[in-house]
C-alpha atoms as a PDB file:
ATOM      1  CA  UNK A   1      28.971   8.893 -27.134  1.00  0.00           C
ATOM      2  CA  UNK A   2      26.114   8.569 -24.645  1.00  0.00           C
ATOM      3  CA  UNK A   3      25.913   5.428 -22.532  1.00  0.00           C
ATOM      4  CA  UNK A   4      23.227   2.978 -23.655  1.00  0.00           C
ATOM      5  CA  UNK A   5      20.156   2.896 -21.439  1.00  0.00           C
ATOM      6  CA  UNK A   6      16.895   0.953 -21.443  1.00  0.00           C
ATOM      7  CA  UNK A   7      13.743   3.097 -21.498  1.00  0.00           C
ATOM      8  CA  UNK A   8      10.387   1.557 -20.629  1.00  0.00           C
ATOM      9  CA  UNK A   9       7.434   3.293 -22.265  1.00  0.00           C
ATOM     10  CA  UNK A  10       4.080   2.631 -20.584  1.00  0.00           C
ATOM     11  CA  UNK A  11       0.519   3.279 -21.745  1.00  0.00           C
ATOM     12  CA  UNK A  12      -1.604   2.535 -18.632  1.00  0.00           C
ATOM     13  CA  UNK A  13      -5.321   1.772 -18.677  1.00  0.00           C
ATOM     14  CA  UNK A  14      -7.758  -0.443 -16.807  1.00  0.00           C
ATOM     15  CA  UNK A  15      -8.982  -2.385 -19.846  1.00  0.00           C
ATOM     16  CA  UNK A  16      -5.882  -1.939 -21.956  1.00  0.00           C
ATOM     17  CA  UNK A  17      -2.288  -0.860 -21.969  1.00  0.00           C
ATOM     18  CA  UNK A  18       1.139  -1.383 -23.412  1.00  0.00           C
ATOM     19  CA  UNK A  19       4.731  -1.698 -22.238  1.00  0.00           C
ATOM     20  CA  UNK A  20       7.619  -1.249 -24.680  1.00  0.00           C
ATOM     21  CA  UNK A  21      11.303  -1.174 -23.841  1.00  0.00           C
ATOM     22  CA  UNK A  22      13.581   0.859 -26.059  1.00  0.00           C
ATOM     23  CA  UNK A  23      17.353   0.699 -25.953  1.00  0.00           C
ATOM     24  CA  UNK A  24      18.991   4.056 -26.606  1.00  0.00           C
ATOM     25  CA  UNK A  25      21.242   5.196 -28.334  1.00  0.00           C
ATOM     26  CA  UNK A  26      20.792   4.437 -31.219  1.00  0.00           C
ATOM     27  CA  UNK A  27      17.191   3.533 -30.521  1.00  0.00           C
ATOM     28  CA  UNK A  28      15.909   0.010 -30.993  1.00  0.00           C
ATOM     29  CA  UNK A  29      12.947  -1.898 -29.567  1.00  0.00           C
ATOM     30  CA  UNK A  30      14.025  -4.752 -27.319  1.00  0.00           C
ATOM     31  CA  UNK A  31      10.571  -5.997 -26.292  1.00  0.00           C
ATOM     32  CA  UNK A  32       6.887  -5.095 -26.416  1.00  0.00           C
ATOM     33  CA  UNK A  33       4.066  -6.334 -24.186  1.00  0.00           C
ATOM     34  CA  UNK A  34       0.347  -5.834 -24.695  1.00  0.00           C
ATOM     35  CA  UNK A  35      -1.448  -5.306 -21.380  1.00  0.00           C
ATOM     36  CA  UNK A  36      -5.005  -5.654 -22.654  1.00  0.00           C
ATOM     37  CA  UNK A  37      -7.502  -7.071 -20.169  1.00  0.00           C
ATOM     38  CA  UNK A  38      -8.443 -10.677 -20.791  1.00  0.00           C
ATOM     39  CA  UNK A  39     -11.842 -11.231 -22.385  1.00  0.00           C
ATOM     40  CA  UNK A  40     -14.518 -11.336 -19.707  1.00  0.00           C
ATOM     41  CA  UNK A  41     -12.270  -9.604 -17.159  1.00  0.00           C
ATOM     42  CA  UNK A  42     -14.837  -6.973 -16.214  1.00  0.00           C
ATOM     43  CA  UNK A  43     -17.587  -9.576 -15.867  1.00  0.00           C
ATOM     44  CA  UNK A  44     -15.345 -11.762 -13.723  1.00  0.00           C
ATOM     45  CA  UNK A  45     -14.580  -8.815 -11.434  1.00  0.00           C
ATOM     46  CA  UNK A  46     -18.274  -8.018 -10.991  1.00  0.00           C
ATOM     47  CA  UNK A  47     -18.963 -11.643 -10.096  1.00  0.00           C
ATOM     48  CA  UNK A  48     -16.184 -11.599  -7.510  1.00  0.00           C
ATOM     49  CA  UNK A  49     -17.621  -8.409  -6.032  1.00  0.00           C
ATOM     50  CA  UNK A  50     -20.981 -10.140  -5.618  1.00  0.00           C
ATOM     51  CA  UNK A  51     -19.233 -12.868  -3.611  1.00  0.00           C
ATOM     52  CA  UNK A  52     -17.128 -10.488  -1.540  1.00  0.00           C
ATOM     53  CA  UNK A  53     -19.978  -8.213  -0.548  1.00  0.00           C
ATOM     54  CA  UNK A  54     -22.830 -10.625   0.109  1.00  0.00           C
ATOM     55  CA  UNK A  55     -22.489 -10.025   3.854  1.00  0.00           C
ATOM     56  CA  UNK A  56     -22.675  -6.216   3.540  1.00  0.00           C
ATOM     57  CA  UNK A  57     -25.975  -4.552   2.712  1.00  0.00           C
ATOM     58  CA  UNK A  58     -26.528  -1.092   1.348  1.00  0.00           C
ATOM     59  CA  UNK A  59     -23.329   0.865   1.637  1.00  0.00           C
ATOM     60  CA  UNK A  60     -20.907  -0.982  -0.642  1.00  0.00           C
ATOM     61  CA  UNK A  61     -19.572   0.692  -3.782  1.00  0.00           C
ATOM     62  CA  UNK A  62     -19.750  -2.285  -6.099  1.00  0.00           C
ATOM     63  CA  UNK A  63     -18.593  -0.340  -9.148  1.00  0.00           C
ATOM     64  CA  UNK A  64     -15.437   0.923  -7.473  1.00  0.00           C
ATOM     65  CA  UNK A  65     -14.694  -2.452  -5.894  1.00  0.00           C
ATOM     66  CA  UNK A  66     -14.938  -4.153  -9.292  1.00  0.00           C
ATOM     67  CA  UNK A  67     -12.638  -1.554 -10.839  1.00  0.00           C
ATOM     68  CA  UNK A  68     -10.186  -2.008  -7.968  1.00  0.00           C
ATOM     69  CA  UNK A  69     -10.074  -5.761  -8.624  1.00  0.00           C
ATOM     70  CA  UNK A  70      -9.459  -5.126 -12.321  1.00  0.00           C
ATOM     71  CA  UNK A  71      -6.672  -2.690 -11.440  1.00  0.00           C
ATOM     72  CA  UNK A  72      -5.016  -5.400  -9.365  1.00  0.00           C
ATOM     73  CA  UNK A  73      -5.192  -7.728 -12.362  1.00  0.00           C
ATOM     74  CA  UNK A  74      -3.570  -5.050 -14.562  1.00  0.00           C
ATOM     75  CA  UNK A  75      -0.846  -4.586 -11.947  1.00  0.00           C
ATOM     76  CA  UNK A  76      -0.143  -8.314 -11.941  1.00  0.00           C
ATOM     77  CA  UNK A  77       0.057  -8.357 -15.755  1.00  0.00           C
ATOM     78  CA  UNK A  78       2.532  -5.478 -15.707  1.00  0.00           C
ATOM     79  CA  UNK A  79       4.659  -7.138 -13.027  1.00  0.00           C
ATOM     80  CA  UNK A  80       4.732 -10.344 -15.089  1.00  0.00           C
ATOM     81  CA  UNK A  81       5.821  -8.392 -18.185  1.00  0.00           C
ATOM     82  CA  UNK A  82       8.496  -6.476 -16.266  1.00  0.00           C
ATOM     83  CA  UNK A  83       9.782  -9.658 -14.620  1.00  0.00           C
ATOM     84  CA  UNK A  84       9.937 -11.388 -17.999  1.00  0.00           C
ATOM     85  CA  UNK A  85      11.851  -8.510 -19.555  1.00  0.00           C
ATOM     86  CA  UNK A  86      14.325  -8.102 -16.714  1.00  0.00           C
ATOM     87  CA  UNK A  87      15.028 -11.840 -16.497  1.00  0.00           C
ATOM     88  CA  UNK A  88      16.057 -11.776 -20.156  1.00  0.00           C
ATOM     89  CA  UNK A  89      17.548  -8.304 -20.615  1.00  0.00           C
ATOM     90  CA  UNK A  90      18.372  -6.807 -17.220  1.00  0.00           C
ATOM     91  CA  UNK A  91      16.849  -3.865 -15.383  1.00  0.00           C
ATOM     92  CA  UNK A  92      14.989  -1.033 -17.090  1.00  0.00           C
ATOM     93  CA  UNK A  93      16.839   2.221 -16.379  1.00  0.00           C
ATOM     94  CA  UNK A  94      14.019   4.768 -16.718  1.00  0.00           C
ATOM     95  CA  UNK A  95      10.265   4.742 -17.358  1.00  0.00           C
ATOM     96  CA  UNK A  96       8.224   7.085 -19.552  1.00  0.00           C
ATOM     97  CA  UNK A  97       4.571   6.908 -18.493  1.00  0.00           C
ATOM     98  CA  UNK A  98       1.583   8.462 -20.198  1.00  0.00           C
ATOM     99  CA  UNK A  99       0.023  10.816 -17.661  1.00  0.00           C
ATOM    100  CA  UNK A 100      -3.685  11.221 -17.008  1.00  0.00           C
ATOM    101  CA  UNK A 101      -5.342  14.344 -18.388  1.00  0.00           C
ATOM    102  CA  UNK A 102      -8.976  14.883 -17.415  1.00  0.00           C
ATOM    103  CA  UNK A 103     -10.714  16.118 -20.579  1.00  0.00           C
ATOM    104  CA  UNK A 104     -14.310  15.902 -19.392  1.00  0.00           C
ATOM    105  CA  UNK A 105     -15.065  19.434 -20.586  1.00  0.00           C
ATOM    106  CA  UNK A 106     -14.132  18.387 -24.139  1.00  0.00           C
ATOM    107  CA  UNK A 107     -16.213  15.219 -24.132  1.00  0.00           C
ATOM    108  CA  UNK A 108     -18.477  14.429 -27.035  1.00  0.00           C
ATOM    109  CA  UNK A 109     -21.748  12.569 -26.665  1.00  0.00           C
ATOM    110  CA  UNK A 110     -20.382   9.356 -28.177  1.00  0.00           C
ATOM    111  CA  UNK A 111     -17.594   9.323 -25.548  1.00  0.00           C
ATOM    112  CA  UNK A 112     -19.893   9.672 -22.562  1.00  0.00           C
ATOM    113  CA  UNK A 113     -19.129   6.185 -21.201  1.00  0.00           C
ATOM    114  CA  UNK A 114     -15.394   6.718 -21.568  1.00  0.00           C
ATOM    115  CA  UNK A 115     -15.554  10.039 -19.748  1.00  0.00           C
ATOM    116  CA  UNK A 116     -17.755   8.613 -16.984  1.00  0.00           C
ATOM    117  CA  UNK A 117     -15.089   6.001 -16.309  1.00  0.00           C
ATOM    118  CA  UNK A 118     -12.158   8.391 -16.590  1.00  0.00           C
ATOM    119  CA  UNK A 119     -11.141   7.667 -12.990  1.00  0.00           C
ATOM    120  CA  UNK A 120     -10.220   4.103 -13.984  1.00  0.00           C
ATOM    121  CA  UNK A 121      -6.807   5.106 -15.350  1.00  0.00           C
ATOM    122  CA  UNK A 122      -5.634   6.945 -12.191  1.00  0.00           C
ATOM    123  CA  UNK A 123      -6.641   3.847 -10.212  1.00  0.00           C
ATOM    124  CA  UNK A 124      -4.240   1.768 -12.305  1.00  0.00           C
ATOM    125  CA  UNK A 125      -1.519   4.405 -12.171  1.00  0.00           C
ATOM    126  CA  UNK A 126      -1.475   4.320  -8.382  1.00  0.00           C
ATOM    127  CA  UNK A 127      -0.615   0.626  -8.480  1.00  0.00           C
ATOM    128  CA  UNK A 128       1.916   1.234 -11.234  1.00  0.00           C
ATOM    129  CA  UNK A 129       3.702   3.930  -9.227  1.00  0.00           C
ATOM    130  CA  UNK A 130       3.893   1.615  -6.204  1.00  0.00           C
ATOM    131  CA  UNK A 131       5.291  -1.270  -8.250  1.00  0.00           C
ATOM    132  CA  UNK A 132       8.002   0.965  -9.694  1.00  0.00           C
ATOM    133  CA  UNK A 133       8.815   2.517  -6.312  1.00  0.00           C
ATOM    134  CA  UNK A 134       9.203  -0.968  -4.824  1.00  0.00           C
ATOM    135  CA  UNK A 135      11.871  -1.525  -7.499  1.00  0.00           C
ATOM    136  CA  UNK A 136      13.648   1.730  -6.777  1.00  0.00           C
ATOM    137  CA  UNK A 137      12.208   3.832  -9.608  1.00  0.00           C
ATOM    138  CA  UNK A 138      10.626   7.143  -8.592  1.00  0.00           C
ATOM    139  CA  UNK A 139      10.183  10.680  -9.887  1.00  0.00           C
ATOM    140  CA  UNK A 140      12.631  12.002  -7.319  1.00  0.00           C
ATOM    141  CA  UNK A 141      15.527   9.815  -8.457  1.00  0.00           C
ATOM    142  CA  UNK A 142      14.766  10.648 -12.104  1.00  0.00           C
ATOM    143  CA  UNK A 143      13.785   7.121 -13.079  1.00  0.00           C
ATOM    144  CA  UNK A 144      10.075   7.856 -13.617  1.00  0.00           C
ATOM    145  CA  UNK A 145       8.842  10.529 -16.022  1.00  0.00           C
ATOM    146  CA  UNK A 146       5.174  11.324 -16.676  1.00  0.00           C
ATOM    147  CA  UNK A 147       4.477  12.672 -20.155  1.00  0.00           C
ATOM    148  CA  UNK A 148       1.415  14.402 -21.588  1.00  0.00           C
ATOM    149  CA  UNK A 149      -0.154  12.281 -24.322  1.00  0.00           C
ATOM    150  CA  UNK A 150      -1.574  15.361 -26.021  1.00  0.00           C
ATOM    151  CA  UNK A 151       1.982  16.516 -26.681  1.00  0.00           C
ATOM    152  CA  UNK A 152       3.796  13.211 -27.214  1.00  0.00           C
ATOM    153  CA  UNK A 153       1.265  11.483 -29.471  1.00  0.00           C
ATOM    154  CA  UNK A 154       0.946  14.590 -31.625  1.00  0.00           C
ATOM    155  CA  UNK A 155       4.735  14.897 -31.802  1.00  0.00           C
ATOM    156  CA  UNK A 156       5.107  11.331 -33.053  1.00  0.00           C
ATOM    157  CA  UNK A 157       1.936  11.178 -35.163  1.00  0.00           C
ATOM    158  CA  UNK A 158       3.811  10.524 -38.408  1.00  0.00           C
ATOM    159  CA  UNK A 159       5.718   7.597 -36.925  1.00  0.00           C
ATOM    160  CA  UNK A 160       2.574   6.185 -35.280  1.00  0.00           C
ATOM    161  CA  UNK A 161       0.732   6.372 -38.574  1.00  0.00           C
ATOM    162  CA  UNK A 162       3.579   4.536 -40.317  1.00  0.00           C
ATOM    163  CA  UNK A 163       3.500   1.800 -37.681  1.00  0.00           C
ATOM    164  CA  UNK A 164      -0.258   1.404 -37.948  1.00  0.00           C
ATOM    165  CA  UNK A 165      -0.450   1.337 -41.740  1.00  0.00           C
ATOM    166  CA  UNK A 166       2.653  -0.702 -42.634  1.00  0.00           C
ATOM    167  CA  UNK A 167       1.878  -3.239 -45.322  1.00  0.00           C
ATOM    168  CA  UNK A 168       4.659  -5.701 -44.493  1.00  0.00           C
ATOM    169  CA  UNK A 169       4.297  -6.892 -40.911  1.00  0.00           C
ATOM    170  CA  UNK A 170       7.783  -8.414 -41.004  1.00  0.00           C
ATOM    171  CA  UNK A 171       9.544  -5.098 -41.671  1.00  0.00           C
ATOM    172  CA  UNK A 172      10.549  -2.358 -39.226  1.00  0.00           C
ATOM    173  CA  UNK A 173       9.390   1.112 -40.272  1.00  0.00           C
ATOM    174  CA  UNK A 174      10.460   3.520 -37.504  1.00  0.00           C
ATOM    175  CA  UNK A 175      13.189   1.924 -35.385  1.00  0.00           C
ATOM    176  CA  UNK A 176      14.830  -1.523 -35.435  1.00  0.00           C
ATOM    177  CA  UNK A 177      12.700  -4.090 -33.636  1.00  0.00           C
ATOM    178  CA  UNK A 178       9.396  -2.256 -34.015  1.00  0.00           C
ATOM    179  CA  UNK A 179       7.811  -5.291 -35.691  1.00  0.00           C
ATOM    180  CA  UNK A 180       7.043  -6.295 -32.082  1.00  0.00           C
ATOM    181  CA  UNK A 181       4.811  -3.216 -31.757  1.00  0.00           C
ATOM    182  CA  UNK A 182       1.470  -4.429 -33.062  1.00  0.00           C
ATOM    183  CA  UNK A 183      -1.448  -2.500 -31.521  1.00  0.00           C
ATOM    184  CA  UNK A 184      -2.449   1.022 -30.495  1.00  0.00           C
ATOM    185  CA  UNK A 185      -1.388   0.513 -26.883  1.00  0.00           C
ATOM    186  CA  UNK A 186       2.136  -0.665 -27.654  1.00  0.00           C
ATOM    187  CA  UNK A 187       2.425   2.023 -30.323  1.00  0.00           C
ATOM    188  CA  UNK A 188       1.606   4.693 -27.746  1.00  0.00           C
ATOM    189  CA  UNK A 189       4.036   3.125 -25.284  1.00  0.00           C
ATOM    190  CA  UNK A 190       6.758   3.260 -27.946  1.00  0.00           C
ATOM    191  CA  UNK A 191       5.983   6.925 -28.654  1.00  0.00           C
ATOM    192  CA  UNK A 192       6.488   7.763 -24.978  1.00  0.00           C
ATOM    193  CA  UNK A 193       9.773   5.838 -24.862  1.00  0.00           C
ATOM    194  CA  UNK A 194      10.958   7.605 -28.034  1.00  0.00           C
ATOM    195  CA  UNK A 195       9.998  11.012 -26.646  1.00  0.00           C
ATOM    196  CA  UNK A 196      11.945  10.418 -23.433  1.00  0.00           C
ATOM    197  CA  UNK A 197      14.905   9.074 -25.396  1.00  0.00           C
ATOM    198  CA  UNK A 198      15.015  12.311 -27.371  1.00  0.00           C
ATOM    199  CA  UNK A 199      14.777  14.446 -24.220  1.00  0.00           C
ATOM    200  CA  UNK A 200      17.529  12.531 -22.425  1.00  0.00           C
ATOM    201  CA  UNK A 201      19.792  12.540 -25.467  1.00  0.00           C
ATOM    202  CA  UNK A 202      19.359  16.297 -25.779  1.00  0.00           C
ATOM    203  CA  UNK A 203      20.227  16.727 -22.095  1.00  0.00           C
ATOM    204  CA  UNK A 204      23.281  14.499 -22.534  1.00  0.00           C
ATOM    205  CA  UNK A 205      24.495  16.601 -25.437  1.00  0.00           C
ATOM    206  CA  UNK A 206      24.027  19.791 -23.419  1.00  0.00           C
ATOM    207  CA  UNK A 207      26.193  18.371 -20.633  1.00  0.00           C
ATOM    208  CA  UNK A 208      29.104  17.481 -22.941  1.00  0.00           C
END
């Protein structure tokens, strides 16, 4: 039997995100954290930029500076969630992170604003990678895995639909403990953790 491990699934995003930790095997959700930006976060960042840059005229990139401040806030929220989890349950063994796929060429008119700000997610992911590296988790030591959402979310679409449409919010529908998974961001984070769990279990079976 494979040794139990804790898999952290992460859906990163400047205004939103989710962090779900899955214990494998058998799979069960230990904790779920919503990393959605606090109401007024973008406005607060713009106001701080106005204060920071009053002494510089003309060349400042206010939009990027505001996004950078918001990315720092997201980083701090993730660190707080990770600290909370590890203080109660111990270290996360591996992380499954939704990668960034630039789909500008497939953009529709109604998604123009989203596509224009597509660089926001990589900004957050840079901070995320540094936080994890500071804790000893990197791609090279096989503790960080980036996964394509276009593949993972499609693969787990049935389970995601069941989570989203469940009628009894007190009942698990996919894995034990998934009542803690309550919004799109934590659902996506769970899908990434589940996908990595399956991949690692398959590799474990091949090595036996």
